[in-house]
Amino acid sequence: MEYRRLGKAGVKVSALSLGSWVTFGQQIGDDVASDLMKHAYDNGINFFDNAEAYAGGRSEVVMGNILRKMAWSHETFLISSKVFWGGHLPNQEGLSRKHVMEACHNALRRLQVEYLDFYFCHRPDPNTPIEETVRAMSDLVRQGKVLYWGTSEWSAQEITHAHAIARTCHLVPPTMEQAMYNIFGRHRVEQEYARLYTEFGLGMTTWSPLASGLLTGKHSKGLQEGTRATLKDYDWLKEQITRDVKEKGERVKKLEKVASEVGLSPAVLAIAWCLKNSHVSTVILGASRVPQLTENLQAIRAQPKLTPEVMKQISEIALV
């Protein structure tokens, strides 16, 4: 495993991490979730990503039970949660001080830990002043309930505003951003945030390296039964993937050819491509089977195969 600093922060995260969106508490059984976390941990992954919205909190419960069973020292792993979608009542959603505080306490209880290493604002909240959210997150850090806080899918302008408030009011600023990043989705990480890496030392945790399976080529002949796109309540994802296959299918085939030429699977090529970005601290993997995770972990050693010439080929295909 390779370990990288989270931006300018001193903490080091495994270059590959394991996320629980859709899988834990929903797509897979708790025994499979346990096997995945153990396999990840045994192979050097030290960061496990979660959120209050995942499976309505069930994902955190499953992960917390696994952590208790494994009895790993918290010194050996990093765990996150995200706050925004906590329920359907007026104060169970958004980034108000009330919800941020209560959601953190709920996450600590479900995950069965004394503190969160990372706590993300899952989306920007147009109904709450950014200053209110920054103060709440800063207080959680000062209380020792959160070590580092960050944002997820915030604009560069919103992140800059949060830093300005923190600087003016002597509060703790956001350390990191969690954004979607893959061969077909790269504008925000590579362009919009470009100045933030040097200006604020922003750390990047990225998700969807395989574009929900599109980049593996498995959907080229239709959506595969049992994948997240075929689950109940994920019709929006099904529609998105169906549209992407239609629009990008030929480019996926070209990427498969590039992967074959360098001796990699399409999935490993796509993940290794994300790792080649020096601003990316960690790439969050999603897996429903241990063999799938084993394959994806090969991306660490695959990076040297993505020479400048191969990276150019990939960009030319992706940006057509």
C-alpha atoms as a PDB file:
ATOM      1  CA  MET A   1       0.000   0.000   0.000  1.00  0.00           C
ATOM      2  CA  GLU A   2       1.031   3.574  -0.622  1.00  0.00           C
ATOM      3  CA  TYR A   3       0.276   6.323   1.898  1.00  0.00           C
ATOM      4  CA  ARG A   4      -0.214   9.994   1.112  1.00  0.00           C
ATOM      5  CA  ARG A   5      -0.614  13.146   3.165  1.00  0.00           C
ATOM      6  CA  LEU A   6      -4.091  14.603   3.206  1.00  0.00           C
ATOM      7  CA  GLY A   7      -3.186  17.858   1.510  1.00  0.00           C
ATOM      8  CA  LYS A   8      -1.046  19.944   3.848  1.00  0.00           C
ATOM      9  CA  ALA A   9      -2.292  18.090   6.952  1.00  0.00           C
ATOM     10  CA  GLY A  10       0.094  15.748   8.712  1.00  0.00           C
ATOM     11  CA  VAL A  11      -2.256  12.752   8.687  1.00  0.00           C
ATOM     12  CA  LYS A  12      -1.497  10.017   6.160  1.00  0.00           C
ATOM     13  CA  VAL A  13      -4.189   8.086   4.310  1.00  0.00           C
ATOM     14  CA  SER A  14      -3.876   4.939   2.249  1.00  0.00           C
ATOM     15  CA  ALA A  15      -3.943   5.831  -1.448  1.00  0.00           C
ATOM     16  CA  LEU A  16      -6.862   3.430  -1.798  1.00  0.00           C
ATOM     17  CA  SER A  17      -9.677   3.420   0.746  1.00  0.00           C
ATOM     18  CA  LEU A  18     -12.959   1.560   1.192  1.00  0.00           C
ATOM     19  CA  GLY A  19     -16.353   3.231   1.026  1.00  0.00           C
ATOM     20  CA  SER A  20     -19.720   1.851   2.087  1.00  0.00           C
ATOM     21  CA  TRP A  21     -22.173   3.730  -0.149  1.00  0.00           C
ATOM     22  CA  VAL A  22     -24.958   1.407  -1.395  1.00  0.00           C
ATOM     23  CA  THR A  23     -23.128  -1.745  -0.254  1.00  0.00           C
ATOM     24  CA  PHE A  24     -23.093  -1.840   3.567  1.00  0.00           C
ATOM     25  CA  GLY A  25     -26.518  -2.369   5.075  1.00  0.00           C
ATOM     26  CA  GLN A  26     -28.165  -2.609   1.690  1.00  0.00           C
ATOM     27  CA  GLN A  27     -26.569  -4.446  -1.252  1.00  0.00           C
ATOM     28  CA  ILE A  28     -24.487  -6.954   0.703  1.00  0.00           C
ATOM     29  CA  GLY A  29     -24.845  -8.975   3.886  1.00  0.00           C
ATOM     30  CA  ASP A  30     -23.065  -8.017   7.080  1.00  0.00           C
ATOM     31  CA  ASP A  31     -20.758 -11.043   6.774  1.00  0.00           C
ATOM     32  CA  VAL A  32     -19.573  -9.902   3.335  1.00  0.00           C
ATOM     33  CA  ALA A  33     -19.077  -6.375   4.669  1.00  0.00           C
ATOM     34  CA  SER A  34     -16.932  -7.810   7.451  1.00  0.00           C
ATOM     35  CA  ASP A  35     -14.841  -9.826   4.982  1.00  0.00           C
ATOM     36  CA  LEU A  36     -14.332  -6.734   2.830  1.00  0.00           C
ATOM     37  CA  MET A  37     -13.175  -4.574   5.726  1.00  0.00           C
ATOM     38  CA  LYS A  38     -10.790  -7.246   7.006  1.00  0.00           C
ATOM     39  CA  HIS A  39      -9.363  -7.813   3.527  1.00  0.00           C
ATOM     40  CA  ALA A  40      -8.928  -4.080   3.048  1.00  0.00           C
ATOM     41  CA  TYR A  41      -7.274  -3.635   6.452  1.00  0.00           C
ATOM     42  CA  ASP A  42      -4.979  -6.633   5.927  1.00  0.00           C
ATOM     43  CA  ASN A  43      -3.859  -5.100   2.632  1.00  0.00           C
ATOM     44  CA  GLY A  44      -2.957  -1.749   4.129  1.00  0.00           C
ATOM     45  CA  ILE A  45      -6.142   0.262   3.685  1.00  0.00           C
ATOM     46  CA  ASN A  46      -6.476   2.515   6.710  1.00  0.00           C
ATOM     47  CA  PHE A  47      -9.431   4.737   5.713  1.00  0.00           C
ATOM     48  CA  PHE A  48     -13.068   3.648   5.770  1.00  0.00           C
ATOM     49  CA  ASP A  49     -15.636   6.113   4.440  1.00  0.00           C
ATOM     50  CA  ASN A  50     -19.261   6.365   5.566  1.00  0.00           C
ATOM     51  CA  ALA A  51     -22.158   8.819   5.876  1.00  0.00           C
ATOM     52  CA  GLU A  52     -25.356   9.278   7.863  1.00  0.00           C
ATOM     53  CA  ALA A  53     -27.338   9.014   4.613  1.00  0.00           C
ATOM     54  CA  TYR A  54     -26.001   5.607   3.603  1.00  0.00           C
ATOM     55  CA  ALA A  55     -28.804   3.065   4.032  1.00  0.00           C
ATOM     56  CA  GLY A  56     -30.493   5.504   6.388  1.00  0.00           C
ATOM     57  CA  GLY A  57     -27.751   5.101   9.022  1.00  0.00           C
ATOM     58  CA  ARG A  58     -27.653   1.309   8.744  1.00  0.00           C
ATOM     59  CA  SER A  59     -24.299   1.480   6.933  1.00  0.00           C
ATOM     60  CA  GLU A  60     -22.705   3.103   9.979  1.00  0.00           C
ATOM     61  CA  VAL A  61     -24.251   0.524  12.283  1.00  0.00           C
ATOM     62  CA  VAL A  62     -22.813  -2.329  10.207  1.00  0.00           C
ATOM     63  CA  MET A  63     -19.377  -0.717  10.084  1.00  0.00           C
ATOM     64  CA  GLY A  64     -19.447   0.022  13.810  1.00  0.00           C
ATOM     65  CA  ASN A  65     -20.286  -3.595  14.631  1.00  0.00           C
ATOM     66  CA  ILE A  66     -17.400  -4.781  12.459  1.00  0.00           C
ATOM     67  CA  LEU A  67     -14.966  -2.406  14.141  1.00  0.00           C
ATOM     68  CA  ARG A  68     -16.081  -3.659  17.548  1.00  0.00           C
ATOM     69  CA  LYS A  69     -15.682  -7.283  16.447  1.00  0.00           C
ATOM     70  CA  MET A  70     -12.259  -6.720  14.912  1.00  0.00           C
ATOM     71  CA  ALA A  71     -11.079  -4.761  17.965  1.00  0.00           C
ATOM     72  CA  TRP A  72      -8.538  -2.817  15.912  1.00  0.00           C
ATOM     73  CA  SER A  73      -6.874   0.068  17.709  1.00  0.00           C
ATOM     74  CA  HIS A  74      -8.193   3.384  16.428  1.00  0.00           C
ATOM     75  CA  GLU A  75      -4.554   4.384  16.000  1.00  0.00           C
ATOM     76  CA  THR A  76      -4.431   1.999  13.033  1.00  0.00           C
ATOM     77  CA  PHE A  77      -7.403   3.262  11.026  1.00  0.00           C
ATOM     78  CA  LEU A  78      -9.242   6.393   9.951  1.00  0.00           C
ATOM     79  CA  ILE A  79     -13.016   6.609   9.780  1.00  0.00           C
ATOM     80  CA  SER A  80     -15.323   9.238   8.350  1.00  0.00           C
ATOM     81  CA  SER A  81     -18.931  10.235   8.302  1.00  0.00           C
ATOM     82  CA  LYS A  82     -20.802  12.882   6.349  1.00  0.00           C
ATOM     83  CA  VAL A  83     -23.635  15.157   7.408  1.00  0.00           C
ATOM     84  CA  PHE A  84     -26.571  16.473   5.395  1.00  0.00           C
ATOM     85  CA  TRP A  85     -29.313  13.861   4.859  1.00  0.00           C
ATOM     86  CA  GLY A  86     -30.264  12.482   8.259  1.00  0.00           C
ATOM     87  CA  GLY A  87     -34.022  12.120   8.015  1.00  0.00           C
ATOM     88  CA  HIS A  88     -37.255  13.674   6.794  1.00  0.00           C
ATOM     89  CA  LEU A  89     -38.087  16.060   9.622  1.00  0.00           C
ATOM     90  CA  PRO A  90     -37.209  19.769   9.252  1.00  0.00           C
ATOM     91  CA  ASN A  91     -34.093  19.673  11.440  1.00  0.00           C
ATOM     92  CA  GLN A  92     -32.813  16.283  10.298  1.00  0.00           C
ATOM     93  CA  GLU A  93     -31.398  17.654   7.070  1.00  0.00           C
ATOM     94  CA  GLY A  94     -28.902  20.299   6.023  1.00  0.00           C
ATOM     95  CA  LEU A  95     -25.953  21.943   7.734  1.00  0.00           C
ATOM     96  CA  SER A  96     -27.541  23.911  10.566  1.00  0.00           C
ATOM     97  CA  ARG A  97     -25.673  23.916  13.847  1.00  0.00           C
ATOM     98  CA  LYS A  98     -28.414  21.768  15.354  1.00  0.00           C
ATOM     99  CA  HIS A  99     -28.232  19.069  12.708  1.00  0.00           C
ATOM    100  CA  VAL A 100     -24.420  19.083  12.429  1.00  0.00           C
ATOM    101  CA  MET A 101     -24.061  18.542  16.180  1.00  0.00           C
ATOM    102  CA  GLU A 102     -26.776  15.901  16.473  1.00  0.00           C
ATOM    103  CA  ALA A 103     -25.644  14.058  13.345  1.00  0.00           C
ATOM    104  CA  CYS A 104     -22.099  13.853  14.702  1.00  0.00           C
ATOM    105  CA  HIS A 105     -23.325  12.370  17.988  1.00  0.00           C
ATOM    106  CA  ASN A 106     -25.472   9.871  16.089  1.00  0.00           C
ATOM    107  CA  ALA A 107     -22.528   8.856  13.904  1.00  0.00           C
ATOM    108  CA  LEU A 108     -20.292   8.339  16.936  1.00  0.00           C
ATOM    109  CA  ARG A 109     -22.953   6.134  18.505  1.00  0.00           C
ATOM    110  CA  ARG A 110     -23.584   4.069  15.377  1.00  0.00           C
ATOM    111  CA  LEU A 111     -19.897   3.663  14.531  1.00  0.00           C
ATOM    112  CA  GLN A 112     -19.035   2.944  18.170  1.00  0.00           C
ATOM    113  CA  VAL A 113     -15.994   5.238  18.210  1.00  0.00           C
ATOM    114  CA  GLU A 114     -14.999   8.097  20.495  1.00  0.00           C
ATOM    115  CA  TYR A 115     -14.162  10.458  17.632  1.00  0.00           C
ATOM    116  CA  LEU A 116     -14.379  10.776  13.851  1.00  0.00           C
ATOM    117  CA  ASP A 117     -11.119  11.207  12.013  1.00  0.00           C
ATOM    118  CA  PHE A 118     -12.855  12.968   9.123  1.00  0.00           C
ATOM    119  CA  TYR A 119     -16.259  14.661   9.047  1.00  0.00           C
ATOM    120  CA  PHE A 120     -17.590  15.982   5.742  1.00  0.00           C
ATOM    121  CA  CYS A 121     -20.390  18.396   4.900  1.00  0.00           C
ATOM    122  CA  HIS A 122     -22.017  16.079   2.351  1.00  0.00           C
ATOM    123  CA  ARG A 123     -23.343  18.907   0.139  1.00  0.00           C
ATOM    124  CA  PRO A 124     -23.539  22.692   0.393  1.00  0.00           C
ATOM    125  CA  ASP A 125     -26.652  23.960   2.164  1.00  0.00           C
ATOM    126  CA  PRO A 126     -28.226  27.055   0.572  1.00  0.00           C
ATOM    127  CA  ASN A 127     -30.533  27.456   3.576  1.00  0.00           C
ATOM    128  CA  THR A 128     -27.783  27.761   6.197  1.00  0.00           C
ATOM    129  CA  PRO A 129     -25.158  30.536   6.355  1.00  0.00           C
ATOM    130  CA  ILE A 130     -21.712  29.065   5.754  1.00  0.00           C
ATOM    131  CA  GLU A 131     -20.500  30.835   8.920  1.00  0.00           C
ATOM    132  CA  GLU A 132     -22.978  28.839  11.033  1.00  0.00           C
ATOM    133  CA  THR A 133     -21.687  25.571   9.555  1.00  0.00           C
ATOM    134  CA  VAL A 134     -18.016  26.537   9.911  1.00  0.00           C
ATOM    135  CA  ARG A 135     -18.569  27.454  13.577  1.00  0.00           C
ATOM    136  CA  ALA A 136     -20.315  24.148  14.278  1.00  0.00           C
ATOM    137  CA  MET A 137     -17.618  22.054  12.594  1.00  0.00           C
ATOM    138  CA  SER A 138     -14.868  24.073  14.273  1.00  0.00           C
ATOM    139  CA  ASP A 139     -16.491  23.478  17.667  1.00  0.00           C
ATOM    140  CA  LEU A 140     -16.623  19.718  17.031  1.00  0.00           C
ATOM    141  CA  VAL A 141     -12.892  19.758  16.302  1.00  0.00           C
ATOM    142  CA  ARG A 142     -12.161  21.734  19.464  1.00  0.00           C
ATOM    143  CA  GLN A 143     -14.313  19.331  21.478  1.00  0.00           C
ATOM    144  CA  GLY A 144     -12.235  16.407  20.206  1.00  0.00           C
ATOM    145  CA  LYS A 145     -15.200  14.716  18.532  1.00  0.00           C
ATOM    146  CA  VAL A 146     -13.772  15.343  15.052  1.00  0.00           C
ATOM    147  CA  LEU A 147     -10.100  15.547  14.060  1.00  0.00           C
ATOM    148  CA  TYR A 148     -10.404  17.023  10.560  1.00  0.00           C
ATOM    149  CA  TRP A 149     -13.457  18.417   8.807  1.00  0.00           C
ATOM    150  CA  GLY A 150     -14.087  18.941   5.144  1.00  0.00           C
ATOM    151  CA  THR A 151     -16.599  19.397   2.388  1.00  0.00           C
ATOM    152  CA  SER A 152     -18.096  17.192  -0.310  1.00  0.00           C
ATOM    153  CA  GLU A 153     -19.096  18.447  -3.754  1.00  0.00           C
ATOM    154  CA  TRP A 154     -18.747  22.089  -2.710  1.00  0.00           C
ATOM    155  CA  SER A 155     -17.761  24.660  -5.289  1.00  0.00           C
ATOM    156  CA  ALA A 156     -14.345  26.320  -5.136  1.00  0.00           C
ATOM    157  CA  GLN A 157     -16.112  29.571  -4.281  1.00  0.00           C
ATOM    158  CA  GLU A 158     -17.910  27.978  -1.307  1.00  0.00           C
ATOM    159  CA  ILE A 159     -14.695  26.406  -0.007  1.00  0.00           C
ATOM    160  CA  THR A 160     -12.902  29.747  -0.357  1.00  0.00           C
ATOM    161  CA  HIS A 161     -15.727  31.461   1.560  1.00  0.00           C
ATOM    162  CA  ALA A 162     -15.438  28.897   4.371  1.00  0.00           C
ATOM    163  CA  HIS A 163     -11.692  29.533   4.641  1.00  0.00           C
ATOM    164  CA  ALA A 164     -12.224  33.305   4.709  1.00  0.00           C
ATOM    165  CA  ILE A 165     -14.717  32.961   7.572  1.00  0.00           C
ATOM    166  CA  ALA A 166     -12.390  30.650   9.489  1.00  0.00           C
ATOM    167  CA  ARG A 167      -9.488  33.056   9.071  1.00  0.00           C
ATOM    168  CA  THR A 168     -11.507  36.128  10.097  1.00  0.00           C
ATOM    169  CA  CYS A 169     -13.236  34.470  13.061  1.00  0.00           C
ATOM    170  CA  HIS A 170     -10.260  32.370  14.235  1.00  0.00           C
ATOM    171  CA  LEU A 171     -12.055  29.106  13.524  1.00  0.00           C
ATOM    172  CA  VAL A 172     -10.817  25.738  12.205  1.00  0.00           C
ATOM    173  CA  PRO A 173     -11.006  25.736   8.373  1.00  0.00           C
ATOM    174  CA  PRO A 174     -11.945  22.753   6.185  1.00  0.00           C
ATOM    175  CA  THR A 175      -8.961  20.523   5.473  1.00  0.00           C
ATOM    176  CA  MET A 176     -10.285  18.406   2.625  1.00  0.00           C
ATOM    177  CA  GLU A 177     -12.839  17.997  -0.129  1.00  0.00           C
ATOM    178  CA  GLN A 178     -14.508  14.793  -1.297  1.00  0.00           C
ATOM    179  CA  ALA A 179     -15.425  14.911  -4.980  1.00  0.00           C
ATOM    180  CA  MET A 180     -16.313  12.595  -7.817  1.00  0.00           C
ATOM    181  CA  TYR A 181     -13.299  11.944 -10.017  1.00  0.00           C
ATOM    182  CA  ASN A 182     -12.812   9.566 -12.904  1.00  0.00           C
ATOM    183  CA  ILE A 183     -11.626   9.487 -16.514  1.00  0.00           C
ATOM    184  CA  PHE A 184     -14.945  10.933 -17.701  1.00  0.00           C
ATOM    185  CA  GLY A 185     -15.473  13.287 -14.756  1.00  0.00           C
ATOM    186  CA  ARG A 186     -12.430  15.449 -14.109  1.00  0.00           C
ATOM    187  CA  HIS A 187     -13.231  19.170 -14.475  1.00  0.00           C
ATOM    188  CA  ARG A 188     -13.837  19.990 -10.819  1.00  0.00           C
ATOM    189  CA  VAL A 189     -10.763  18.205  -9.422  1.00  0.00           C
ATOM    190  CA  GLU A 190      -8.355  19.235 -12.185  1.00  0.00           C
ATOM    191  CA  GLN A 191      -9.573  22.721 -13.020  1.00  0.00           C
ATOM    192  CA  GLU A 192     -12.065  24.269 -10.612  1.00  0.00           C
ATOM    193  CA  TYR A 193     -10.047  23.346  -7.515  1.00  0.00           C
ATOM    194  CA  ALA A 194      -6.613  23.926  -9.094  1.00  0.00           C
ATOM    195  CA  ARG A 195      -5.719  27.042  -7.093  1.00  0.00           C
ATOM    196  CA  LEU A 196      -7.012  25.585  -3.812  1.00  0.00           C
ATOM    197  CA  TYR A 197      -4.239  22.969  -3.581  1.00  0.00           C
ATOM    198  CA  THR A 198      -1.568  25.631  -3.173  1.00  0.00           C
ATOM    199  CA  GLU A 199      -3.698  28.378  -1.619  1.00  0.00           C
ATOM    200  CA  PHE A 200      -5.195  26.255   1.180  1.00  0.00           C
ATOM    201  CA  GLY A 201      -3.320  22.946   0.927  1.00  0.00           C
ATOM    202  CA  LEU A 202      -6.623  21.256   0.134  1.00  0.00           C
ATOM    203  CA  GLY A 203      -6.606  17.469   0.482  1.00  0.00           C
ATOM    204  CA  MET A 204      -8.640  15.406  -1.998  1.00  0.00           C
ATOM    205  CA  THR A 205     -10.567  12.230  -1.242  1.00  0.00           C
ATOM    206  CA  THR A 206     -12.273  11.087  -4.432  1.00  0.00           C
ATOM    207  CA  TRP A 207     -15.146   8.730  -5.206  1.00  0.00           C
ATOM    208  CA  SER A 208     -16.631   6.891  -8.212  1.00  0.00           C
ATOM    209  CA  PRO A 209     -13.312   6.048  -9.935  1.00  0.00           C
ATOM    210  CA  LEU A 210     -15.191   3.547 -12.127  1.00  0.00           C
ATOM    211  CA  ALA A 211     -18.124   5.868 -12.905  1.00  0.00           C
ATOM    212  CA  SER A 212     -20.549   3.418 -11.251  1.00  0.00           C
ATOM    213  CA  GLY A 213     -19.141   0.514 -13.257  1.00  0.00           C
ATOM    214  CA  LEU A 214     -19.217   2.236 -16.658  1.00  0.00           C
ATOM    215  CA  LEU A 215     -15.422   2.180 -16.956  1.00  0.00           C
ATOM    216  CA  THR A 216     -15.232  -1.562 -16.285  1.00  0.00           C
ATOM    217  CA  GLY A 217     -17.186  -2.236 -19.474  1.00  0.00           C
ATOM    218  CA  LYS A 218     -19.604  -4.520 -17.616  1.00  0.00           C
ATOM    219  CA  HIS A 219     -22.643  -2.491 -18.679  1.00  0.00           C
ATOM    220  CA  SER A 220     -21.813  -2.524 -22.400  1.00  0.00           C
ATOM    221  CA  LYS A 221     -24.356  -5.288 -23.048  1.00  0.00           C
ATOM    222  CA  GLY A 222     -26.965  -3.968 -20.678  1.00  0.00           C
ATOM    223  CA  LEU A 223     -27.188  -3.400 -16.928  1.00  0.00           C
ATOM    224  CA  GLN A 224     -25.951  -6.401 -14.984  1.00  0.00           C
ATOM    225  CA  GLU A 225     -28.402  -7.823 -12.459  1.00  0.00           C
ATOM    226  CA  GLY A 226     -27.261  -7.437  -8.872  1.00  0.00           C
ATOM    227  CA  THR A 227     -25.299  -4.248  -9.465  1.00  0.00           C
ATOM    228  CA  ARG A 228     -26.191  -1.065  -7.592  1.00  0.00           C
ATOM    229  CA  ALA A 229     -27.968   0.341 -10.655  1.00  0.00           C
ATOM    230  CA  THR A 230     -30.581  -2.421 -10.455  1.00  0.00           C
ATOM    231  CA  LEU A 231     -31.367  -1.952  -6.762  1.00  0.00           C
ATOM    232  CA  LYS A 232     -34.673  -0.622  -5.512  1.00  0.00           C
ATOM    233  CA  ASP A 233     -34.770   3.187  -5.180  1.00  0.00           C
ATOM    234  CA  TYR A 234     -31.806   3.627  -7.525  1.00  0.00           C
ATOM    235  CA  ASP A 235     -33.761   4.283 -10.715  1.00  0.00           C
ATOM    236  CA  TRP A 236     -31.919   7.587 -11.084  1.00  0.00           C
ATOM    237  CA  LEU A 237     -28.607   5.700 -11.222  1.00  0.00           C
ATOM    238  CA  LYS A 238     -30.032   3.206 -13.693  1.00  0.00           C
ATOM    239  CA  GLU A 239     -31.098   6.055 -15.961  1.00  0.00           C
ATOM    240  CA  GLN A 240     -27.707   7.739 -15.624  1.00  0.00           C
ATOM    241  CA  ILE A 241     -25.725   4.612 -16.491  1.00  0.00           C
ATOM    242  CA  THR A 242     -28.035   3.743 -19.383  1.00  0.00           C
ATOM    243  CA  ARG A 243     -27.513   7.231 -20.784  1.00  0.00           C
ATOM    244  CA  ASP A 244     -23.736   7.083 -20.229  1.00  0.00           C
ATOM    245  CA  VAL A 245     -23.450   3.706 -21.965  1.00  0.00           C
ATOM    246  CA  LYS A 246     -25.240   5.139 -24.971  1.00  0.00           C
ATOM    247  CA  GLU A 247     -23.143   8.305 -25.070  1.00  0.00           C
ATOM    248  CA  LYS A 248     -19.749   6.924 -24.043  1.00  0.00           C
ATOM    249  CA  GLY A 249     -19.907   3.247 -24.976  1.00  0.00           C
ATOM    250  CA  GLU A 250     -17.512   3.531 -27.919  1.00  0.00           C
ATOM    251  CA  ARG A 251     -14.979   5.429 -25.842  1.00  0.00           C
ATOM    252  CA  VAL A 252     -15.190   2.763 -23.125  1.00  0.00           C
ATOM    253  CA  LYS A 253     -14.290   0.144 -25.741  1.00  0.00           C
ATOM    254  CA  LYS A 254     -11.245   2.189 -26.760  1.00  0.00           C
ATOM    255  CA  LEU A 255     -10.182   2.445 -23.123  1.00  0.00           C
ATOM    256  CA  GLU A 256     -10.574  -1.342 -22.779  1.00  0.00           C
ATOM    257  CA  LYS A 257      -8.149  -1.724 -25.677  1.00  0.00           C
ATOM    258  CA  VAL A 258      -5.614   0.562 -23.998  1.00  0.00           C
ATOM    259  CA  ALA A 259      -5.951  -1.451 -20.778  1.00  0.00           C
ATOM    260  CA  SER A 260      -5.378  -4.701 -22.665  1.00  0.00           C
ATOM    261  CA  GLU A 261      -2.273  -3.311 -24.357  1.00  0.00           C
ATOM    262  CA  VAL A 262      -0.646  -2.506 -20.993  1.00  0.00           C
ATOM    263  CA  GLY A 263      -1.799  -5.761 -19.396  1.00  0.00           C
ATOM    264  CA  LEU A 264      -4.421  -4.372 -17.041  1.00  0.00           C
ATOM    265  CA  SER A 265      -8.131  -4.845 -16.545  1.00  0.00           C
ATOM    266  CA  PRO A 266     -10.263  -1.784 -17.418  1.00  0.00           C
ATOM    267  CA  ALA A 267     -11.091  -1.321 -13.727  1.00  0.00           C
ATOM    268  CA  VAL A 268      -7.461  -1.317 -12.607  1.00  0.00           C
ATOM    269  CA  LEU A 269      -6.543   1.083 -15.420  1.00  0.00           C
ATOM    270  CA  ALA A 270      -9.297   3.504 -14.369  1.00  0.00           C
ATOM    271  CA  ILE A 271      -8.314   3.448 -10.687  1.00  0.00           C
ATOM    272  CA  ALA A 272      -4.599   3.751 -11.428  1.00  0.00           C
ATOM    273  CA  TRP A 273      -5.400   6.745 -13.636  1.00  0.00           C
ATOM    274  CA  CYS A 274      -6.975   8.497 -10.626  1.00  0.00           C
ATOM    275  CA  LEU A 275      -3.932   7.698  -8.498  1.00  0.00           C
ATOM    276  CA  LYS A 276      -1.623   9.366 -11.024  1.00  0.00           C
ATOM    277  CA  ASN A 277      -3.020  12.745  -9.963  1.00  0.00           C
ATOM    278  CA  SER A 278      -0.655  13.962  -7.242  1.00  0.00           C
ATOM    279  CA  HIS A 279      -3.398  16.105  -5.711  1.00  0.00           C
ATOM    280  CA  VAL A 280      -5.512  13.033  -4.964  1.00  0.00           C
ATOM    281  CA  SER A 281      -4.811  11.818  -1.438  1.00  0.00           C
ATOM    282  CA  THR A 282      -6.997   8.724  -1.643  1.00  0.00           C
ATOM    283  CA  VAL A 283      -9.333   7.010  -4.088  1.00  0.00           C
ATOM    284  CA  ILE A 284     -12.412   5.556  -2.393  1.00  0.00           C
ATOM    285  CA  LEU A 285     -13.302   2.098  -3.677  1.00  0.00           C
ATOM    286  CA  GLY A 286     -16.711   0.494  -3.557  1.00  0.00           C
ATOM    287  CA  ALA A 287     -16.865  -3.299  -3.602  1.00  0.00           C
ATOM    288  CA  SER A 288     -19.521  -5.957  -3.099  1.00  0.00           C
ATOM    289  CA  ARG A 289     -17.181  -8.975  -3.298  1.00  0.00           C
ATOM    290  CA  VAL A 290     -13.717  -9.710  -1.927  1.00  0.00           C
ATOM    291  CA  PRO A 291     -12.343 -10.794  -5.354  1.00  0.00           C
ATOM    292  CA  GLN A 292     -13.496  -7.439  -6.750  1.00  0.00           C
ATOM    293  CA  LEU A 293     -11.593  -5.587  -4.022  1.00  0.00           C
ATOM    294  CA  THR A 294      -8.532  -7.782  -4.593  1.00  0.00           C
ATOM    295  CA  GLU A 295      -8.504  -6.836  -8.262  1.00  0.00           C
ATOM    296  CA  ASN A 296      -8.942  -3.129  -7.566  1.00  0.00           C
ATOM    297  CA  LEU A 297      -6.047  -3.131  -5.103  1.00  0.00           C
ATOM    298  CA  GLN A 298      -3.745  -3.973  -8.013  1.00  0.00           C
ATOM    299  CA  ALA A 299      -4.022  -0.329  -9.073  1.00  0.00           C
ATOM    300  CA  ILE A 300      -1.274   0.602  -6.602  1.00  0.00           C
ATOM    301  CA  ARG A 301       1.337  -1.448  -8.451  1.00  0.00           C
ATOM    302  CA  ALA A 302      -0.156  -0.641 -11.852  1.00  0.00           C
ATOM    303  CA  GLN A 303       0.712   3.060 -11.731  1.00  0.00           C
ATOM    304  CA  PRO A 304       4.111   2.742 -13.480  1.00  0.00           C
ATOM    305  CA  LYS A 305       2.359   1.191 -16.491  1.00  0.00           C
ATOM    306  CA  LEU A 306       0.519   4.440 -17.054  1.00  0.00           C
ATOM    307  CA  THR A 307       3.390   6.193 -18.779  1.00  0.00           C
ATOM    308  CA  PRO A 308       3.008   9.748 -20.141  1.00  0.00           C
ATOM    309  CA  GLU A 309       2.199   8.206 -23.520  1.00  0.00           C
ATOM    310  CA  VAL A 310      -0.557   6.021 -22.044  1.00  0.00           C
ATOM    311  CA  MET A 311      -1.947   8.950 -20.044  1.00  0.00           C
ATOM    312  CA  LYS A 312      -2.071  10.982 -23.248  1.00  0.00           C
ATOM    313  CA  GLN A 313      -3.941   8.185 -25.004  1.00  0.00           C
ATOM    314  CA  ILE A 314      -6.484   8.028 -22.207  1.00  0.00           C
ATOM    315  CA  SER A 315      -7.032  11.801 -22.251  1.00  0.00           C
ATOM    316  CA  GLU A 316      -7.475  11.854 -26.014  1.00  0.00           C
ATOM    317  CA  ILE A 317     -10.134   9.149 -25.755  1.00  0.00           C
ATOM    318  CA  ALA A 318     -11.908  10.719 -22.770  1.00  0.00           C
ATOM    319  CA  LEU A 319     -12.001  14.244 -24.067  1.00  0.00           C
ATOM    320  CA  VAL A 320     -13.302  13.493 -27.578  1.00  0.00           C
END
